[in-house]
Amino acid sequence: MKRRDFLKSTSALMGGTILYATGIPAMAQAEPVSGGTLIWGHSETTQNLDMHQTGTASTGRVLQNVHDSIVTVDKDLNVIPNLAESFEISADGLVYTFKLRPGVVFHNGQKMTSADVKFSFERCKDPATGAVNFEVFNSVASIDTPDDLTVVITLGQVNAPFLSRLAENGAGVIMPTGTGDVQGTTPIGCGPFKFVRREFGNEVELARFDDYWGGPAYLDKIIAREITEPTVRLTGLRTGELHMINDIPADRIAEIEGDDKFQVVSWFPLNWDFVNFNHDFEPFKNPKVREAFDYMIDKEALLEGALWGQGAVTASPSYPTSASYNHDLKQRPQDFEKAKALLAEAGYGEGELSVVFKATTNYPYHIEAAQIMLEWFRMAGVDATIEQLTWSDWLSQCWVDKDFQITMMNFFTLWEPDFLYYSLWNTEGAFNYRKISNAKVDELTAKARVTVDPQARADIYKQVQTVVHDETLDVILWFRNGTIGAQTGVMGLDTIVHPNGSNLNFHKVWLQS
């Protein structure tokens, strides 16, 4: 079976995160040793280093090693204790009691207590902080600290996904009291590595934290070199300048797999991608225009053309193992005549609609995908041009200022359905940069939060997906595979991929001497 066929067959299972490796004969045999600096070719550029404020997975992938959350998830995405060694939920679902792990030390030498939890959660809740996950705490009525190792959170109303939302560092991270002002430039946490320095757009340096509560890491240091150009990244791996890279260029994976000087780790999925419309742009206020653009796109051909088939098309953005994944949804086929007819119904004849597609060079395959789609848009009678933006400019223009007409983005760690659907499609959602305001979605996402029964909640999220699809609020494209390429002396790579498929955890990674 060819590798691409294998990827398609495994992806189609939708059964879970599929992790497999090649060229790693010593991974399970050698005894770990301490020492050494690992040079990682990071495919993206870090932004604001404040874990509460950052909305980028690229930054979170680094900060995953600096911070720990109060709870986390196991390989099956079940919530388990972390900085809290236990937790209890009252029968009415309103009171959450956390017993903290004793002896946890922050990188500044301060011992973690319940006061730090209270500080962190109240900081995230405070609108002045500008936290991405502020709405996780909207239902919190009080946070009490009866002793140094006990935190009692009382909700004003049931918030069924509250605990699982705390399992991601964005909301559940615990910072030392009083460090809010420095987190954006010199983050302080209690994770296995402490922040040393950052040269913006170039590299980030982390050093082992010997007092880590989970035991010290093996590596002395990690240097994450930010190399967004795939060929340059791969060249660095080949020349030995880099110990490992993430995101092997899709058209070069087989080449690296066939070279016994390297090892490859691949998994499904890394993220999902979608095409975005600015719902404040007059043409895209009309659902017929949005639907017309959906009919212009051949999703399978786009997957092959931009990603070399390294993934699987999907009509649902739900994590593949989630009970909320709506298997009944089907992507619209490419149909130029249908697209032209819908545009005509909306009042746009051939050549009468012009759009600018903003895409970021931070994801080179987005540029390739945009270039392919622009040809299809033109074939459907739309005058389309592309504007290539750096990651910082995309974040500034599209994310913050919402200054775009059509764009493309991917999201990584949204395995929790409330995080996914409320954040992205609710009118008040922190990730709603498309200016979407849909009364039905708002109603359903709010209803899901007070629905305790898991199956009933999953059914509500399936309804949300139906609205997103039927009204073409966005166009969901595919899940993308994740890949790591490494020198054969990099060990412990079977531990590096977080269960969410996005974050990388270097705690148990080590270098052969």
Protein backbone atom coordinates (compact mmCIF):
# COMPACT_ATOMS: atom_id res chain seq x y z
CA MET A 1 0.00 0.00 0.00
CA LYS A 2 1.37 3.42 -0.93
CA ARG A 3 1.95 5.83 1.93
CA ARG A 4 -0.67 8.27 0.71
CA ASP A 5 -3.24 5.47 0.51
CA PHE A 6 -2.25 4.40 4.02
CA LEU A 7 -2.75 7.92 5.32
CA LYS A 8 -6.15 8.14 3.67
CA SER A 9 -7.26 4.80 5.06
CA THR A 10 -6.18 5.61 8.59
CA SER A 11 -7.57 9.12 8.42
CA ALA A 12 -10.93 7.85 7.27
CA LEU A 13 -11.26 5.79 10.42
CA MET A 14 -11.85 8.94 12.47
CA GLY A 15 -11.08 6.71 15.43
CA GLY A 16 -8.55 8.73 17.34
CA THR A 17 -5.12 10.31 17.21
CA ILE A 18 -3.07 7.93 15.09
CA LEU A 19 0.61 8.09 16.06
CA TYR A 20 3.20 6.13 14.18
CA ALA A 21 6.94 6.36 13.68
CA THR A 22 9.59 5.23 11.23
CA GLY A 23 13.35 4.93 11.53
CA ILE A 24 13.43 4.84 15.34
CA PRO A 25 15.11 1.54 16.17
CA ALA A 26 16.52 2.66 19.52
CA MET A 27 13.52 4.60 20.85
CA ALA A 28 12.31 1.96 23.30
CA GLN A 29 15.71 0.38 24.02
CA ALA A 30 18.16 3.01 25.25
CA GLU A 31 18.33 4.30 28.84
CA PRO A 32 17.67 8.06 29.12
CA VAL A 33 20.60 10.34 29.94
CA SER A 34 20.61 13.96 31.07
CA GLY A 35 22.29 16.86 29.34
CA GLY A 36 22.56 18.63 26.04
CA THR A 37 20.77 21.40 24.17
CA LEU A 38 18.13 20.41 21.64
CA ILE A 39 17.80 22.72 18.64
CA TRP A 40 14.23 22.61 17.34
CA GLY A 41 13.23 24.07 13.99
CA HIS A 42 9.83 25.53 14.90
CA SER A 43 7.60 26.03 11.89
CA GLU A 44 5.92 29.14 13.26
CA THR A 45 6.65 32.44 14.97
CA THR A 46 5.75 33.03 18.61
CA GLN A 47 3.76 36.14 19.50
CA ASN A 48 2.60 37.48 22.88
CA LEU A 49 4.11 35.16 25.51
CA ASP A 50 1.32 35.77 28.05
CA MET A 51 -0.49 32.41 28.19
CA HIS A 52 -3.74 34.12 29.13
CA GLN A 53 -3.63 36.57 26.25
CA THR A 54 -2.10 34.59 23.39
CA GLY A 55 -4.46 33.07 20.86
CA THR A 56 -1.84 31.37 18.71
CA ALA A 57 -1.03 27.67 18.83
CA SER A 58 2.53 28.50 17.74
CA THR A 59 3.13 30.32 21.03
CA GLY A 60 1.21 27.75 23.06
CA ARG A 61 3.40 24.99 21.64
CA VAL A 62 6.42 26.61 23.35
CA LEU A 63 4.63 27.73 26.52
CA GLN A 64 3.26 24.21 27.05
CA ASN A 65 6.72 23.50 28.49
CA VAL A 66 6.80 26.60 30.71
CA HIS A 67 3.35 26.33 32.31
CA ASP A 68 1.17 23.66 33.86
CA SER A 69 -2.61 23.68 34.23
CA ILE A 70 -4.65 22.78 37.27
CA VAL A 71 -6.03 19.70 35.45
CA THR A 72 -5.03 18.05 32.19
CA VAL A 73 -6.17 15.22 29.92
CA ASP A 74 -5.00 11.66 29.36
CA LYS A 75 -4.41 10.06 25.95
CA ASP A 76 -8.17 9.55 25.55
CA LEU A 77 -8.89 13.22 26.42
CA ASN A 78 -10.38 12.38 29.82
CA VAL A 79 -9.80 15.13 32.41
CA ILE A 80 -7.33 14.07 35.10
CA PRO A 81 -5.57 15.89 38.01
CA ASN A 82 -2.38 17.83 37.37
CA LEU A 83 -1.41 20.74 39.64
CA ALA A 84 -4.48 19.71 41.59
CA GLU A 85 -3.89 16.19 42.89
CA SER A 86 -7.66 15.69 43.17
CA PHE A 87 -10.94 17.44 42.44
CA GLU A 88 -14.61 17.01 43.37
CA ILE A 89 -17.79 18.37 41.81
CA SER A 90 -20.93 18.83 43.88
CA ALA A 91 -24.08 16.90 42.98
CA ASP A 92 -25.73 20.08 41.64
CA GLY A 93 -22.72 20.83 39.43
CA LEU A 94 -22.13 24.25 40.98
CA VAL A 95 -19.19 23.72 43.36
CA TYR A 96 -15.72 22.56 42.27
CA THR A 97 -13.24 21.72 45.03
CA PHE A 98 -9.57 21.31 44.12
CA LYS A 99 -6.93 19.87 46.44
CA LEU A 100 -3.59 21.21 45.25
CA ARG A 101 -0.40 19.22 44.93
CA PRO A 102 1.95 20.19 47.80
CA GLY A 103 5.51 21.31 47.13
CA VAL A 104 5.00 22.79 43.66
CA VAL A 105 7.53 25.57 43.02
CA PHE A 106 7.37 28.33 40.40
CA HIS A 107 10.38 29.35 38.36
CA ASN A 108 10.83 32.45 40.55
CA GLY A 109 11.21 30.26 43.65
CA GLN A 110 7.74 30.99 44.99
CA LYS A 111 5.74 28.00 46.31
CA MET A 112 2.35 27.46 44.70
CA THR A 113 -0.64 27.95 46.98
CA SER A 114 -4.36 28.43 46.55
CA ALA A 115 -3.71 32.19 46.37
CA ASP A 116 -1.93 31.68 43.05
CA VAL A 117 -4.90 29.76 41.66
CA LYS A 118 -7.25 32.51 42.74
CA PHE A 119 -4.96 35.14 41.22
CA SER A 120 -4.66 33.27 37.93
CA PHE A 121 -8.37 32.59 37.47
CA GLU A 122 -9.45 36.08 38.53
CA ARG A 123 -6.86 37.56 36.18
CA CYS A 124 -8.21 35.46 33.31
CA LYS A 125 -11.78 36.48 34.19
CA ASP A 126 -10.99 40.21 34.38
CA PRO A 127 -11.92 41.94 31.08
CA ALA A 128 -8.97 44.31 31.54
CA THR A 129 -6.57 41.39 31.10
CA GLY A 130 -7.70 40.72 27.56
CA ALA A 131 -7.58 36.97 28.11
CA VAL A 132 -8.59 34.82 25.15
CA ASN A 133 -10.45 32.39 27.43
CA PHE A 134 -12.15 34.93 29.67
CA GLU A 135 -15.61 33.47 29.01
CA VAL A 136 -14.62 30.19 30.72
CA PHE A 137 -15.10 32.05 33.99
CA ASN A 138 -18.31 33.93 33.13
CA SER A 139 -20.34 31.64 35.40
CA VAL A 140 -17.93 31.85 38.35
CA ALA A 141 -19.62 33.49 41.35
CA SER A 142 -16.77 33.10 43.85
CA ILE A 143 -13.31 31.60 44.34
CA ASP A 144 -12.54 30.72 47.96
CA THR A 145 -9.27 29.56 49.50
CA PRO A 146 -10.00 27.97 52.91
CA ASP A 147 -6.34 26.92 53.21
CA ASP A 148 -3.14 27.01 51.18
CA LEU A 149 -3.91 23.78 49.32
CA THR A 150 -7.66 24.04 48.82
CA VAL A 151 -9.56 26.02 46.20
CA VAL A 152 -13.36 26.11 46.11
CA ILE A 153 -14.97 27.56 42.98
CA THR A 154 -18.70 28.23 43.08
CA LEU A 155 -20.65 28.83 39.89
CA GLY A 156 -23.74 30.97 39.63
CA GLN A 157 -25.21 28.54 37.11
CA VAL A 158 -24.24 25.16 35.71
CA ASN A 159 -21.40 25.27 33.19
CA ALA A 160 -21.02 21.67 32.03
CA PRO A 161 -17.72 22.12 30.15
CA PHE A 162 -16.05 24.15 32.92
CA LEU A 163 -13.65 21.44 34.10
CA SER A 164 -12.59 20.36 30.64
CA ARG A 165 -11.94 23.98 29.65
CA LEU A 166 -9.47 24.17 32.56
CA ALA A 167 -7.52 21.26 31.07
CA GLU A 168 -5.90 23.54 28.51
CA ASN A 169 -3.13 25.91 29.60
CA GLY A 170 -4.96 28.89 28.14
CA ALA A 171 -7.57 28.93 30.91
CA GLY A 172 -6.23 26.46 33.48
CA VAL A 173 -2.62 27.68 33.70
CA ILE A 174 -1.48 28.71 37.18
CA MET A 175 0.83 31.72 37.41
CA PRO A 176 2.50 33.09 40.53
CA THR A 177 0.61 35.90 42.23
CA GLY A 178 1.54 39.36 41.02
CA THR A 179 3.34 38.34 37.82
CA GLY A 180 0.74 39.49 35.33
CA ASP A 181 2.72 42.49 34.14
CA VAL A 182 5.74 40.42 33.07
CA GLN A 183 4.07 37.34 31.58
CA GLY A 184 3.95 38.79 28.06
CA THR A 185 7.73 39.17 27.80
CA THR A 186 9.20 36.89 30.48
CA PRO A 187 6.66 34.17 31.27
CA ILE A 188 6.91 32.55 34.71
CA GLY A 189 5.27 29.21 35.36
CA CYS A 190 5.93 25.92 37.11
CA GLY A 191 6.49 23.69 34.07
CA PRO A 192 9.51 21.49 33.32
CA PHE A 193 11.38 24.31 31.53
CA LYS A 194 11.86 27.94 32.47
CA PHE A 195 11.96 30.81 30.03
CA VAL A 196 15.41 32.30 29.37
CA ARG A 197 15.10 34.67 26.42
CA ARG A 198 13.44 35.40 23.11
CA GLU A 199 14.71 37.11 19.98
CA PHE A 200 11.43 38.01 18.31
CA GLY A 201 11.00 36.25 14.98
CA ASN A 202 14.22 34.30 15.49
CA GLU A 203 14.40 32.00 18.49
CA VAL A 204 13.24 31.20 22.03
CA GLU A 205 15.49 29.63 24.67
CA LEU A 206 14.21 27.47 27.53
CA ALA A 207 16.28 25.88 30.32
CA ARG A 208 15.55 22.84 32.50
CA PHE A 209 13.83 23.65 35.80
CA ASP A 210 15.46 21.32 38.30
CA ASP A 211 12.70 21.79 40.92
CA TYR A 212 9.88 20.69 38.61
CA TRP A 213 7.26 18.83 40.63
CA GLY A 214 7.11 16.04 38.05
CA GLY A 215 10.87 15.46 38.16
CA PRO A 216 13.53 17.32 36.18
CA ALA A 217 13.66 17.03 32.40
CA TYR A 218 16.58 15.32 30.71
CA LEU A 219 17.55 18.18 28.39
CA ASP A 220 19.60 21.09 29.72
CA LYS A 221 18.08 23.48 27.21
CA ILE A 222 15.72 23.82 24.25
CA ILE A 223 16.32 26.41 21.58
CA ALA A 224 13.28 26.85 19.34
CA ARG A 225 14.43 28.47 16.11
CA GLU A 226 11.50 29.99 14.27
CA ILE A 227 11.81 28.93 10.62
CA THR A 228 8.57 29.32 8.70
CA GLU A 229 10.04 28.45 5.28
CA PRO A 230 9.69 24.65 4.93
CA THR A 231 12.69 24.09 2.65
CA VAL A 232 15.01 26.06 4.94
CA ARG A 233 13.74 24.07 7.91
CA LEU A 234 14.35 20.77 6.13
CA THR A 235 17.82 21.87 5.02
CA GLY A 236 18.67 22.64 8.66
CA LEU A 237 17.69 19.11 9.61
CA ARG A 238 19.71 17.59 6.76
CA THR A 239 22.86 19.57 7.57
CA GLY A 240 22.65 18.76 11.29
CA GLU A 241 22.08 22.38 12.29
CA LEU A 242 18.72 21.29 13.77
CA HIS A 243 18.05 18.22 15.92
CA MET A 244 14.37 18.15 14.96
CA ILE A 245 11.73 20.01 13.02
CA ASN A 246 7.97 19.97 13.10
CA ASP A 247 5.93 20.14 9.89
CA ILE A 248 8.11 18.32 7.38
CA PRO A 249 7.26 19.74 3.93
CA ALA A 250 4.39 17.59 2.69
CA ASP A 251 6.09 16.76 -0.61
CA ARG A 252 9.30 15.62 1.14
CA ILE A 253 7.99 13.29 3.85
CA ALA A 254 8.62 10.08 1.89
CA GLU A 255 12.15 11.26 1.15
CA ILE A 256 12.96 11.70 4.87
CA GLU A 257 11.23 8.45 5.80
CA GLY A 258 13.45 6.62 3.34
CA ASP A 259 16.67 8.03 4.81
CA ASP A 260 18.06 5.98 7.71
CA LYS A 261 19.85 9.07 9.06
CA PHE A 262 16.50 10.44 10.23
CA GLN A 263 13.39 9.41 12.08
CA VAL A 264 9.84 10.53 11.36
CA VAL A 265 6.87 10.73 13.70
CA SER A 266 3.46 11.35 12.14
CA TRP A 267 0.00 11.64 13.63
CA PHE A 268 -3.59 12.44 12.71
CA PRO A 269 -4.86 15.07 13.14
CA LEU A 270 -2.67 18.07 13.85
CA ASN A 271 -5.27 20.69 13.02
CA TRP A 272 -8.26 21.52 10.84
CA ASP A 273 -8.50 24.25 8.21
CA PHE A 274 -11.34 26.39 6.93
CA VAL A 275 -12.09 29.26 4.56
CA ASN A 276 -13.40 32.38 6.30
CA PHE A 277 -15.78 35.09 5.09
CA ASN A 278 -15.99 38.51 6.72
CA HIS A 279 -19.71 38.68 7.49
CA ASP A 280 -19.47 42.49 7.58
CA PHE A 281 -18.36 42.61 3.93
CA GLU A 282 -21.53 43.39 1.99
CA PRO A 283 -21.48 40.45 -0.48
CA PHE A 284 -20.81 37.93 2.30
CA LYS A 285 -23.77 39.17 4.32
CA ASN A 286 -25.81 37.18 1.80
CA PRO A 287 -25.71 33.41 2.53
CA LYS A 288 -26.19 32.68 -1.18
CA VAL A 289 -22.85 34.33 -1.95
CA ARG A 290 -21.11 32.33 0.79
CA GLU A 291 -22.71 29.13 -0.50
CA ALA A 292 -21.61 30.00 -4.04
CA PHE A 293 -17.98 30.17 -2.92
CA ASP A 294 -18.35 26.77 -1.24
CA TYR A 295 -19.48 25.31 -4.57
CA MET A 296 -16.36 26.73 -6.25
CA ILE A 297 -14.00 24.60 -4.14
CA ASP A 298 -13.02 20.99 -4.86
CA LYS A 299 -11.93 19.93 -1.37
CA GLU A 300 -10.25 16.66 -2.39
CA ALA A 301 -8.30 18.35 -5.19
CA LEU A 302 -7.30 21.16 -2.83
CA LEU A 303 -6.07 18.64 -0.25
CA GLU A 304 -3.93 16.96 -2.90
CA GLY A 305 -2.69 20.22 -4.41
CA ALA A 306 -1.81 22.11 -1.23
CA LEU A 307 -1.10 19.28 1.23
CA TRP A 308 -0.06 16.40 -1.04
CA GLY A 309 -2.89 14.39 0.51
CA GLN A 310 -1.45 14.65 4.04
CA GLY A 311 -4.80 14.65 5.80
CA ALA A 312 -8.49 13.95 5.27
CA VAL A 313 -11.37 16.13 4.08
CA THR A 314 -14.11 16.77 6.61
CA ALA A 315 -17.35 18.72 6.84
CA SER A 316 -17.11 18.88 10.64
CA PRO A 317 -14.42 20.65 12.70
CA SER A 318 -15.15 18.50 15.78
CA TYR A 319 -12.21 16.46 17.03
CA PRO A 320 -12.44 13.10 15.23
CA THR A 321 -12.89 11.10 18.44
CA SER A 322 -15.54 13.47 19.81
CA ALA A 323 -19.10 12.28 20.31
CA SER A 324 -20.13 15.63 18.84
CA TYR A 325 -18.66 14.88 15.40
CA ASN A 326 -21.55 15.14 12.93
CA HIS A 327 -21.07 12.26 10.48
CA ASP A 328 -24.25 13.19 8.60
CA LEU A 329 -22.76 16.34 7.10
CA LYS A 330 -21.36 16.13 3.59
CA GLN A 331 -19.21 18.70 1.86
CA ARG A 332 -20.66 20.45 -1.16
CA PRO A 333 -19.18 19.26 -4.47
CA GLN A 334 -17.49 21.64 -6.88
CA ASP A 335 -20.19 22.96 -9.24
CA PHE A 336 -19.39 26.15 -11.15
CA GLU A 337 -22.83 26.42 -12.74
CA LYS A 338 -24.49 26.17 -9.34
CA ALA A 339 -22.06 28.79 -8.00
CA LYS A 340 -22.82 31.18 -10.87
CA ALA A 341 -26.56 30.69 -10.41
CA LEU A 342 -26.34 31.51 -6.68
CA LEU A 343 -24.28 34.62 -7.41
CA ALA A 344 -26.86 35.69 -10.00
CA GLU A 345 -29.66 35.20 -7.47
CA ALA A 346 -27.72 37.44 -5.10
CA GLY A 347 -27.44 40.11 -7.78
CA TYR A 348 -23.87 39.50 -9.01
CA GLY A 349 -23.39 38.78 -12.67
CA GLU A 350 -20.19 37.40 -14.13
CA GLY A 351 -17.28 39.75 -13.40
CA GLU A 352 -19.36 41.95 -11.09
CA LEU A 353 -17.97 40.66 -7.78
CA SER A 354 -14.38 41.36 -6.68
CA VAL A 355 -12.70 39.85 -3.62
CA VAL A 356 -9.26 40.03 -2.03
CA PHE A 357 -8.03 36.82 -0.39
CA LYS A 358 -5.62 37.49 2.49
CA ALA A 359 -3.37 34.54 3.31
CA THR A 360 -0.39 34.27 5.65
CA THR A 361 3.07 33.10 4.68
CA ASN A 362 3.30 31.61 8.19
CA TYR A 363 1.48 28.63 6.64
CA PRO A 364 3.01 28.18 3.16
CA TYR A 365 0.34 25.64 2.25
CA HIS A 366 -2.26 28.38 2.84
CA ILE A 367 -0.59 30.40 0.10
CA GLU A 368 -0.68 27.39 -2.22
CA ALA A 369 -4.32 26.67 -1.31
CA ALA A 370 -5.30 30.32 -1.88
CA GLN A 371 -3.62 30.37 -5.28
CA ILE A 372 -5.54 27.25 -6.34
CA MET A 373 -8.84 28.60 -5.04
CA LEU A 374 -8.34 31.92 -6.80
CA GLU A 375 -8.28 30.13 -10.15
CA TRP A 376 -11.56 28.42 -9.27
CA PHE A 377 -13.09 31.73 -8.15
CA ARG A 378 -12.13 33.27 -11.50
CA MET A 379 -13.63 30.29 -13.35
CA ALA A 380 -16.89 31.06 -11.54
CA GLY A 381 -16.80 34.67 -12.76
CA VAL A 382 -15.34 36.30 -9.63
CA ASP A 383 -12.52 38.82 -9.92
CA ALA A 384 -10.15 37.54 -7.22
CA THR A 385 -6.69 38.61 -6.06
CA ILE A 386 -4.40 37.39 -3.30
CA GLU A 387 -2.58 39.44 -0.66
CA GLN A 388 0.22 37.60 1.16
CA LEU A 389 0.74 38.65 4.79
CA THR A 390 3.34 37.85 7.42
CA TRP A 391 1.96 36.14 10.52
CA SER A 392 2.13 39.37 12.54
CA ASP A 393 0.33 41.29 9.81
CA TRP A 394 -2.34 38.58 9.46
CA LEU A 395 -2.96 38.66 13.21
CA SER A 396 -3.11 42.45 13.19
CA GLN A 397 -5.32 42.84 10.13
CA CYS A 398 -7.55 39.75 10.16
CA TRP A 399 -7.65 38.64 13.79
CA VAL A 400 -7.57 41.97 15.65
CA ASP A 401 -8.88 44.57 13.19
CA LYS A 402 -11.10 42.11 11.26
CA ASP A 403 -9.96 43.88 8.11
CA PHE A 404 -10.37 41.28 5.39
CA GLN A 405 -12.90 40.00 2.86
CA ILE A 406 -11.96 36.34 2.60
CA THR A 407 -9.13 34.44 4.28
CA MET A 408 -8.08 31.00 5.47
CA MET A 409 -6.99 29.76 8.89
CA ASN A 410 -6.42 26.62 10.90
CA PHE A 411 -7.07 25.77 14.53
CA PHE A 412 -5.18 23.21 16.55
CA THR A 413 -6.17 22.42 20.11
CA LEU A 414 -9.96 22.74 20.11
CA TRP A 415 -10.74 19.15 21.13
CA GLU A 416 -13.28 20.40 23.70
CA PRO A 417 -16.56 21.23 21.88
CA ASP A 418 -17.45 24.27 23.98
CA PHE A 419 -14.00 25.70 23.33
CA LEU A 420 -14.55 25.00 19.65
CA TYR A 421 -18.12 26.09 18.98
CA TYR A 422 -18.63 28.86 21.52
CA SER A 423 -15.22 30.45 20.89
CA LEU A 424 -15.47 30.37 17.11
CA TRP A 425 -19.15 30.81 16.22
CA ASN A 426 -20.92 32.48 19.15
CA THR A 427 -21.38 36.22 18.61
CA GLU A 428 -19.35 36.86 21.79
CA GLY A 429 -16.78 34.13 21.13
CA ALA A 430 -13.15 35.08 21.64
CA PHE A 431 -12.15 33.55 18.27
CA ASN A 432 -15.01 35.09 16.26
CA TYR A 433 -12.85 37.29 14.04
CA ARG A 434 -15.31 36.84 11.11
CA LYS A 435 -18.02 39.01 12.74
CA ILE A 436 -20.49 36.14 12.69
CA SER A 437 -23.73 36.79 14.53
CA ASN A 438 -26.20 33.96 14.21
CA ALA A 439 -29.09 33.79 16.66
CA LYS A 440 -29.51 30.02 16.34
CA VAL A 441 -25.82 29.34 17.01
CA ASP A 442 -25.87 31.70 20.00
CA GLU A 443 -28.92 29.91 21.40
CA LEU A 444 -27.47 26.43 20.91
CA THR A 445 -23.98 27.16 22.26
CA ALA A 446 -25.51 28.77 25.36
CA LYS A 447 -27.87 25.82 25.81
CA ALA A 448 -24.98 23.34 25.58
CA ARG A 449 -23.25 24.99 28.53
CA VAL A 450 -26.13 24.19 30.87
CA THR A 451 -26.76 20.70 29.48
CA VAL A 452 -25.11 18.19 31.79
CA ASP A 453 -25.93 14.96 29.95
CA PRO A 454 -22.94 14.30 27.62
CA GLN A 455 -24.97 12.78 24.78
CA ALA A 456 -27.51 15.59 24.88
CA ARG A 457 -24.66 18.12 24.72
CA ALA A 458 -23.10 16.27 21.79
CA ASP A 459 -26.42 16.38 19.95
CA ILE A 460 -26.62 20.14 20.46
CA TYR A 461 -23.16 20.60 18.96
CA LYS A 462 -24.21 18.50 15.98
CA GLN A 463 -27.02 21.00 15.46
CA VAL A 464 -24.50 23.84 15.61
CA GLN A 465 -22.46 22.16 12.87
CA THR A 466 -25.60 21.84 10.75
CA VAL A 467 -26.22 25.59 11.02
CA VAL A 468 -22.58 26.39 10.21
CA HIS A 469 -22.80 24.13 7.14
CA ASP A 470 -26.31 24.99 5.91
CA GLU A 471 -25.76 28.74 6.19
CA THR A 472 -22.11 28.50 5.07
CA LEU A 473 -20.86 30.56 7.98
CA ASP A 474 -17.41 29.21 7.01
CA VAL A 475 -16.23 26.45 4.66
CA ILE A 476 -14.67 23.54 6.56
CA LEU A 477 -11.96 21.91 4.45
CA TRP A 478 -9.89 19.16 6.11
CA PHE A 479 -7.93 17.73 9.00
CA ARG A 480 -4.16 17.93 8.49
CA ASN A 481 -1.59 15.36 9.61
CA GLY A 482 1.22 16.34 11.95
CA THR A 483 4.84 15.38 11.37
CA ILE A 484 8.18 15.61 13.17
CA GLY A 485 11.52 14.87 11.54
CA ALA A 486 14.53 14.30 13.79
CA GLN A 487 18.10 13.11 13.95
CA THR A 488 18.36 9.49 15.13
CA GLY A 489 19.99 10.65 18.37
CA VAL A 490 16.82 12.43 19.54
CA MET A 491 15.08 10.05 21.91
CA GLY A 492 11.72 9.95 23.67
CA LEU A 493 9.78 11.22 20.66
CA ASP A 494 7.02 8.77 21.51
CA THR A 495 6.20 11.09 24.45
CA ILE A 496 6.39 14.45 22.71
CA VAL A 497 2.93 14.87 21.10
CA HIS A 498 0.27 16.13 23.52
CA PRO A 499 -3.07 14.28 23.38
CA ASN A 500 -4.61 17.36 21.76
CA GLY A 501 -2.40 16.72 18.72
CA SER A 502 -0.91 20.22 18.71
CA ASN A 503 1.29 20.90 21.72
CA LEU A 504 4.76 19.42 22.05
CA ASN A 505 5.99 18.36 25.50
CA PHE A 506 9.78 18.03 25.85
CA HIS A 507 9.80 16.80 29.46
CA LYS A 508 10.84 13.24 28.56
CA VAL A 509 12.80 13.97 25.38
CA TRP A 510 16.57 13.41 25.53
CA LEU A 511 19.71 13.29 23.42
CA GLN A 512 21.98 10.29 23.03
CA SER A 513 25.52 11.21 23.98
